[in-house]
Amino acid sequence: MRPLIAFLGLLLVWEGFVRWTEVPPFLLPAPLRVAQVLWTRFDILYGHALTTLTEILIGLLLGTLIGCAMALLLSAWRGGRRWLLPLLIASQAIPVFAIAPLLTLWLGFGLASKIAMATIIIFFPVATAFYDGLRRTEPGWLDLAATMGASPAAVLWRIRVPAALPGLASGLRVAAAVAPIGAVVGEWVGASAGLGYVMLQANGRSQTDMMFAALTILATMAMALWFVTDRLLRALLPWQPDQLSDDNGGTP
């Protein structure tokens, strides 16, 4: 209930600020006005939200698969690290806003360019977190495996990968939080559907309430995706409990 109470408190502050300052609606609409747009234009917003959600989920899946494959390749192929690791870093040195127009030019205005943008953003946190977990395996476990004559493949899949799963989980949480960025940036550059497209069109018409409505749906989708990812990872990694405790001594 705490997030819900905090959210309701924020809405009350927002509503009170708008009424007290009498700010024009085209600069900052009141929450009630945004809620009215959500209700009356929900059929339109729902279709665009479904498009953006599709881009986010496919990008998250592809970014996770490619990131995990890159981390495993870096861990298993010692000679290739000198060549691939700089490319991994360079992939994030170029701003995503600079890549978006090129992806739109190459892949068109459909879903492909937005999925590619989301995949690029998700790829890096997954690859770096998983690779960091793979190379920080407990040395005692590796010494025991060497003593027992384990093959490199057995060490990788039986020891390194299970030990790196908590690190991969951290990367997936970050990826779930930043996944909407790639899709929305791609829609801003060039699209005919999606919440980013709605926001761009509403901005051109000074429909600030419509922009806030689309932003509300996007934020709700992002938070829901993060919470689902977090709960799923907690269920899949029961041996990695949360060590943080709240004031009452329980886990948050």
Foldseek 3Di string as FASTA:
>chain_A
DVVVVVVVVVLVVQQVVCVVVVDDCLVPNRPVLLVVCCVVVVVQLVFQAVLLVVLLVLLLVLLLVLLVVLLLCCLPPVVCCVPVVVVLVVLVVDDLLVCLVVLCVVVNQHSRSLSVQLSSVLNNLLNVLLNVQLVPFDVVVVVVCVVVPHDPVCCRPVGRNVSSLVSNLVSSLVSLLCSSVSNLSNVCSHYDGHLNVQLNVCVVVSVVSSNVNSVVSVVVNSVVSNVVSVVVSCVVCVVDDDPDADPVGHRD
